[in-house]
Amino acid sequence: METLFSWLVPIAIGVVAIILLLGLFNMMRGGSPNTSQKLMRLRVLAQFIAIVVIMAAIYFMQH
């Protein structure tokens, strides 16, 4: 189980970082506001999933 979380936690954090960078690049180049809004919503969802994965990792490592 620890091996699974040792892969999932960095992947989840990496996905959040990539989405954040895509949103920043879109804003810097003056991209579509609709795209920025979609990326923001996707980032919030990815952050929620990352928090759930991290909390599950902490829970299962203690038990």
PDB file of N, CA and C in Angstrom:
ATOM      1  N   MET A   1       0.827  -1.190   0.000  1.00  0.00           N
ATOM      2  CA  MET A   1       0.000   0.000   0.000  1.00  0.00           C
ATOM      3  C   MET A   1       0.874   1.257   0.000  1.00  0.00           C
ATOM      4  N   GLU A   2       1.991   1.215   0.752  1.00  0.00           N
ATOM      5  CA  GLU A   2       2.867   2.375   0.789  1.00  0.00           C
ATOM      6  C   GLU A   2       3.458   2.670  -0.580  1.00  0.00           C
ATOM      7  N   THR A   3       3.745   1.626  -1.345  1.00  0.00           N
ATOM      8  CA  THR A   3       4.292   1.817  -2.686  1.00  0.00           C
ATOM      9  C   THR A   3       3.292   2.541  -3.580  1.00  0.00           C
ATOM     10  N   LEU A   4       2.027   2.189  -3.448  1.00  0.00           N
ATOM     11  CA  LEU A   4       0.983   2.849  -4.235  1.00  0.00           C
ATOM     12  C   LEU A   4       0.945   4.338  -3.928  1.00  0.00           C
ATOM     13  N   PHE A   5       0.948   4.677  -2.651  1.00  0.00           N
ATOM     14  CA  PHE A   5       0.883   6.087  -2.271  1.00  0.00           C
ATOM     15  C   PHE A   5       2.186   6.820  -2.558  1.00  0.00           C
ATOM     16  N   SER A   6       3.309   6.101  -2.551  1.00  0.00           N
ATOM     17  CA  SER A   6       4.570   6.761  -2.875  1.00  0.00           C
ATOM     18  C   SER A   6       4.597   7.188  -4.348  1.00  0.00           C
ATOM     19  N   TRP A   7       3.744   6.592  -5.158  1.00  0.00           N
ATOM     20  CA  TRP A   7       3.593   7.012  -6.558  1.00  0.00           C
ATOM     21  C   TRP A   7       2.451   8.003  -6.724  1.00  0.00           C
ATOM     22  N   LEU A   8       1.337   7.794  -6.030  1.00  0.00           N
ATOM     23  CA  LEU A   8       0.159   8.624  -6.226  1.00  0.00           C
ATOM     24  C   LEU A   8       0.320  10.057  -5.713  1.00  0.00           C
ATOM     25  N   VAL A   9       0.981  10.215  -4.574  1.00  0.00           N
ATOM     26  CA  VAL A   9       1.114  11.556  -3.988  1.00  0.00           C
ATOM     27  C   VAL A   9       1.893  12.492  -4.917  1.00  0.00           C
ATOM     28  N   PRO A  10       3.087  12.116  -5.392  1.00  0.00           N
ATOM     29  CA  PRO A  10       3.796  13.033  -6.297  1.00  0.00           C
ATOM     30  C   PRO A  10       3.069  13.260  -7.624  1.00  0.00           C
ATOM     31  N   ILE A  11       2.384  12.235  -8.107  1.00  0.00           N
ATOM     32  CA  ILE A  11       1.634  12.402  -9.356  1.00  0.00           C
ATOM     33  C   ILE A  11       0.503  13.409  -9.160  1.00  0.00           C
ATOM     34  N   ALA A  12      -0.218  13.294  -8.054  1.00  0.00           N
ATOM     35  CA  ALA A  12      -1.320  14.217  -7.777  1.00  0.00           C
ATOM     36  C   ALA A  12      -0.812  15.648  -7.637  1.00  0.00           C
ATOM     37  N   ILE A  13       0.303  15.833  -6.942  1.00  0.00           N
ATOM     38  CA  ILE A  13       0.869  17.170  -6.779  1.00  0.00           C
ATOM     39  C   ILE A  13       1.373  17.698  -8.118  1.00  0.00           C
ATOM     40  N   GLY A  14       1.971  16.832  -8.917  1.00  0.00           N
ATOM     41  CA  GLY A  14       2.454  17.241 -10.229  1.00  0.00           C
ATOM     42  C   GLY A  14       1.328  17.674 -11.149  1.00  0.00           C
ATOM     43  N   VAL A  15       0.213  16.974 -11.106  1.00  0.00           N
ATOM     44  CA  VAL A  15      -0.940  17.339 -11.931  1.00  0.00           C
ATOM     45  C   VAL A  15      -1.451  18.726 -11.547  1.00  0.00           C
ATOM     46  N   VAL A  16      -1.520  18.993 -10.258  1.00  0.00           N
ATOM     47  CA  VAL A  16      -1.960  20.318  -9.794  1.00  0.00           C
ATOM     48  C   VAL A  16      -0.992  21.391 -10.294  1.00  0.00           C
ATOM     49  N   ALA A  17       0.308  21.133 -10.191  1.00  0.00           N
ATOM     50  CA  ALA A  17       1.303  22.105 -10.622  1.00  0.00           C
ATOM     51  C   ALA A  17       1.223  22.372 -12.127  1.00  0.00           C
ATOM     52  N   ILE A  18       1.024  21.325 -12.903  1.00  0.00           N
ATOM     53  CA  ILE A  18       0.931  21.484 -14.358  1.00  0.00           C
ATOM     54  C   ILE A  18      -0.291  22.313 -14.735  1.00  0.00           C
ATOM     55  N   ILE A  19      -1.423  22.024 -14.110  1.00  0.00           N
ATOM     56  CA  ILE A  19      -2.641  22.779 -14.408  1.00  0.00           C
ATOM     57  C   ILE A  19      -2.462  24.242 -14.011  1.00  0.00           C
ATOM     58  N   LEU A  20      -1.818  24.472 -12.858  1.00  0.00           N
ATOM     59  CA  LEU A  20      -1.561  25.839 -12.418  1.00  0.00           C
ATOM     60  C   LEU A  20      -0.677  26.576 -13.420  1.00  0.00           C
ATOM     61  N   LEU A  21       0.388  25.932 -13.884  1.00  0.00           N
ATOM     62  CA  LEU A  21       1.278  26.560 -14.859  1.00  0.00           C
ATOM     63  C   LEU A  21       0.572  26.829 -16.179  1.00  0.00           C
ATOM     64  N   LEU A  22      -0.266  25.905 -16.616  1.00  0.00           N
ATOM     65  CA  LEU A  22      -1.026  26.128 -17.853  1.00  0.00           C
ATOM     66  C   LEU A  22      -1.928  27.356 -17.712  1.00  0.00           C
ATOM     67  N   GLY A  23      -2.551  27.497 -16.561  1.00  0.00           N
ATOM     68  CA  GLY A  23      -3.400  28.663 -16.323  1.00  0.00           C
ATOM     69  C   GLY A  23      -2.607  29.956 -16.308  1.00  0.00           C
ATOM     70  N   LEU A  24      -1.435  29.924 -15.677  1.00  0.00           N
ATOM     71  CA  LEU A  24      -0.592  31.121 -15.653  1.00  0.00           C
ATOM     72  C   LEU A  24      -0.111  31.504 -17.043  1.00  0.00           C
ATOM     73  N   PHE A  25       0.315  30.521 -17.829  1.00  0.00           N
ATOM     74  CA  PHE A  25       0.756  30.802 -19.197  1.00  0.00           C
ATOM     75  C   PHE A  25      -0.392  31.352 -20.035  1.00  0.00           C
ATOM     76  N   ASN A  26      -1.584  30.829 -19.841  1.00  0.00           N
ATOM     77  CA  ASN A  26      -2.741  31.315 -20.580  1.00  0.00           C
ATOM     78  C   ASN A  26      -3.014  32.785 -20.233  1.00  0.00           C
ATOM     79  N   MET A  27      -2.904  33.126 -18.972  1.00  0.00           N
ATOM     80  CA  MET A  27      -3.135  34.516 -18.558  1.00  0.00           C
ATOM     81  C   MET A  27      -2.033  35.439 -19.071  1.00  0.00           C
ATOM     82  N   MET A  28      -0.782  34.976 -19.026  1.00  0.00           N
ATOM     83  CA  MET A  28       0.340  35.822 -19.442  1.00  0.00           C
ATOM     84  C   MET A  28       0.294  36.137 -20.934  1.00  0.00           C
ATOM     85  N   ARG A  29      -0.160  35.214 -21.739  1.00  0.00           N
ATOM     86  CA  ARG A  29      -0.207  35.469 -23.180  1.00  0.00           C
ATOM     87  C   ARG A  29      -1.534  36.079 -23.611  1.00  0.00           C
ATOM     88  N   GLY A  30      -2.383  36.367 -22.651  1.00  0.00           N
ATOM     89  CA  GLY A  30      -3.653  37.012 -22.973  1.00  0.00           C
ATOM     90  C   GLY A  30      -4.647  36.069 -23.623  1.00  0.00           C
ATOM     91  N   GLY A  31      -4.668  34.852 -23.175  1.00  0.00           N
ATOM     92  CA  GLY A  31      -5.558  33.841 -23.742  1.00  0.00           C
ATOM     93  C   GLY A  31      -7.014  34.067 -23.369  1.00  0.00           C
ATOM     94  N   SER A  32      -7.821  33.169 -23.796  1.00  0.00           N
ATOM     95  CA  SER A  32      -9.266  33.239 -23.587  1.00  0.00           C
ATOM     96  C   SER A  32      -9.619  33.189 -22.100  1.00  0.00           C
ATOM     97  N   PRO A  33     -10.491  34.097 -21.657  1.00  0.00           N
ATOM     98  CA  PRO A  33     -10.957  34.025 -20.263  1.00  0.00           C
ATOM     99  C   PRO A  33     -11.716  32.737 -19.974  1.00  0.00           C
ATOM    100  N   ASN A  34     -12.393  32.190 -20.971  1.00  0.00           N
ATOM    101  CA  ASN A  34     -13.105  30.924 -20.771  1.00  0.00           C
ATOM    102  C   ASN A  34     -12.129  29.790 -20.463  1.00  0.00           C
ATOM    103  N   THR A  35     -10.998  29.792 -21.167  1.00  0.00           N
ATOM    104  CA  THR A  35      -9.981  28.773 -20.906  1.00  0.00           C
ATOM    105  C   THR A  35      -9.414  28.933 -19.504  1.00  0.00           C
ATOM    106  N   SER A  36      -9.174  30.173 -19.086  1.00  0.00           N
ATOM    107  CA  SER A  36      -8.678  30.421 -17.729  1.00  0.00           C
ATOM    108  C   SER A  36      -9.664  29.910 -16.692  1.00  0.00           C
ATOM    109  N   GLN A  37     -10.939  30.149 -16.929  1.00  0.00           N
ATOM    110  CA  GLN A  37     -11.977  29.706 -15.991  1.00  0.00           C
ATOM    111  C   GLN A  37     -12.028  28.176 -15.908  1.00  0.00           C
ATOM    112  N   LYS A  38     -11.929  27.509 -17.070  1.00  0.00           N
ATOM    113  CA  LYS A  38     -11.940  26.045 -17.083  1.00  0.00           C
ATOM    114  C   LYS A  38     -10.719  25.486 -16.365  1.00  0.00           C
ATOM    115  N   LEU A  39      -9.549  26.105 -16.599  1.00  0.00           N
ATOM    116  CA  LEU A  39      -8.342  25.640 -15.934  1.00  0.00           C
ATOM    117  C   LEU A  39      -8.427  25.855 -14.423  1.00  0.00           C
ATOM    118  N   MET A  40      -9.028  26.957 -14.008  1.00  0.00           N
ATOM    119  CA  MET A  40      -9.171  27.208 -12.573  1.00  0.00           C
ATOM    120  C   MET A  40     -10.074  26.157 -11.935  1.00  0.00           C
ATOM    121  N   ARG A  41     -11.169  25.840 -12.590  1.00  0.00           N
ATOM    122  CA  ARG A  41     -12.070  24.819 -12.052  1.00  0.00           C
ATOM    123  C   ARG A  41     -11.400  23.449 -12.016  1.00  0.00           C
ATOM    124  N   LEU A  42     -10.648  23.141 -13.072  1.00  0.00           N
ATOM    125  CA  LEU A  42      -9.935  21.873 -13.128  1.00  0.00           C
ATOM    126  C   LEU A  42      -8.866  21.806 -12.035  1.00  0.00           C
ATOM    127  N   ARG A  43      -8.196  22.926 -11.769  1.00  0.00           N
ATOM    128  CA  ARG A  43      -7.182  22.975 -10.725  1.00  0.00           C
ATOM    129  C   ARG A  43      -7.797  22.742  -9.349  1.00  0.00           C
ATOM    130  N   VAL A  44      -8.940  23.350  -9.100  1.00  0.00           N
ATOM    131  CA  VAL A  44      -9.607  23.153  -7.808  1.00  0.00           C
ATOM    132  C   VAL A  44      -9.981  21.681  -7.631  1.00  0.00           C
ATOM    133  N   LEU A  45     -10.494  21.061  -8.671  1.00  0.00           N
ATOM    134  CA  LEU A  45     -10.827  19.637  -8.611  1.00  0.00           C
ATOM    135  C   LEU A  45      -9.571  18.800  -8.370  1.00  0.00           C
ATOM    136  N   ALA A  46      -8.499  19.119  -9.075  1.00  0.00           N
ATOM    137  CA  ALA A  46      -7.247  18.370  -8.908  1.00  0.00           C
ATOM    138  C   ALA A  46      -6.690  18.556  -7.502  1.00  0.00           C
ATOM    139  N   GLN A  47      -6.825  19.757  -6.941  1.00  0.00           N
ATOM    140  CA  GLN A  47      -6.365  19.986  -5.575  1.00  0.00           C
ATOM    141  C   GLN A  47      -7.180  19.159  -4.579  1.00  0.00           C
ATOM    142  N   PHE A  48      -8.476  19.077  -4.796  1.00  0.00           N
ATOM    143  CA  PHE A  48      -9.316  18.253  -3.920  1.00  0.00           C
ATOM    144  C   PHE A  48      -8.870  16.795  -3.968  1.00  0.00           C
ATOM    145  N   ILE A  49      -8.648  16.296  -5.168  1.00  0.00           N
ATOM    146  CA  ILE A  49      -8.211  14.902  -5.321  1.00  0.00           C
ATOM    147  C   ILE A  49      -6.843  14.699  -4.671  1.00  0.00           C
ATOM    148  N   ALA A  50      -5.940  15.658  -4.845  1.00  0.00           N
ATOM    149  CA  ALA A  50      -4.608  15.554  -4.241  1.00  0.00           C
ATOM    150  C   ALA A  50      -4.709  15.524  -2.713  1.00  0.00           C
ATOM    151  N   ILE A  51      -5.576  16.350  -2.148  1.00  0.00           N
ATOM    152  CA  ILE A  51      -5.739  16.360  -0.689  1.00  0.00           C
ATOM    153  C   ILE A  51      -6.291  15.026  -0.208  1.00  0.00           C
ATOM    154  N   VAL A  52      -7.257  14.471  -0.920  1.00  0.00           N
ATOM    155  CA  VAL A  52      -7.815  13.167  -0.546  1.00  0.00           C
ATOM    156  C   VAL A  52      -6.733  12.090  -0.606  1.00  0.00           C
ATOM    157  N   VAL A  53      -5.917  12.111  -1.654  1.00  0.00           N
ATOM    158  CA  VAL A  53      -4.840  11.121  -1.790  1.00  0.00           C
ATOM    159  C   VAL A  53      -3.831  11.275  -0.657  1.00  0.00           C
ATOM    160  N   ILE A  54      -3.447  12.509  -0.345  1.00  0.00           N
ATOM    161  CA  ILE A  54      -2.471  12.744   0.722  1.00  0.00           C
ATOM    162  C   ILE A  54      -3.026  12.311   2.079  1.00  0.00           C
ATOM    163  N   MET A  55      -4.277  12.646   2.344  1.00  0.00           N
ATOM    164  CA  MET A  55      -4.888  12.241   3.614  1.00  0.00           C
ATOM    165  C   MET A  55      -5.004  10.719   3.720  1.00  0.00           C
ATOM    166  N   ALA A  56      -5.339  10.062   2.625  1.00  0.00           N
ATOM    167  CA  ALA A  56      -5.406   8.599   2.623  1.00  0.00           C
ATOM    168  C   ALA A  56      -4.029   8.000   2.857  1.00  0.00           C
ATOM    169  N   ALA A  57      -3.002   8.601   2.263  1.00  0.00           N
ATOM    170  CA  ALA A  57      -1.631   8.111   2.467  1.00  0.00           C
ATOM    171  C   ALA A  57      -1.241   8.233   3.939  1.00  0.00           C
ATOM    172  N   ILE A  58      -1.553   9.366   4.534  1.00  0.00           N
ATOM    173  CA  ILE A  58      -1.222   9.550   5.953  1.00  0.00           C
ATOM    174  C   ILE A  58      -1.990   8.517   6.809  1.00  0.00           C
ATOM    175  N   TYR A  59      -3.254   8.328   6.503  1.00  0.00           N
ATOM    176  CA  TYR A  59      -4.069   7.377   7.270  1.00  0.00           C
ATOM    177  C   TYR A  59      -3.511   5.966   7.173  1.00  0.00           C
ATOM    178  N   PHE A  60      -3.228   5.504   5.950  1.00  0.00           N
ATOM    179  CA  PHE A  60      -2.790   4.129   5.765  1.00  0.00           C
ATOM    180  C   PHE A  60      -1.354   3.895   6.255  1.00  0.00           C
ATOM    181  N   MET A  61      -0.544   4.937   6.286  1.00  0.00           N
ATOM    182  CA  MET A  61       0.829   4.762   6.802  1.00  0.00           C
ATOM    183  C   MET A  61       0.830   4.651   8.318  1.00  0.00           C
ATOM    184  N   GLN A  62      -0.199   5.177   8.979  1.00  0.00           N
ATOM    185  CA  GLN A  62      -0.283   5.074  10.428  1.00  0.00           C
ATOM    186  C   GLN A  62      -0.897   3.754  10.875  1.00  0.00           C
ATOM    187  N   HIS A  63      -1.601   3.073   9.972  1.00  0.00           N
ATOM    188  CA  HIS A  63      -2.276   1.831  10.358  1.00  0.00           C
ATOM    189  C   HIS A  63      -1.643   0.643   9.683  1.00  0.00           C
TER     190      HIS A  63
END
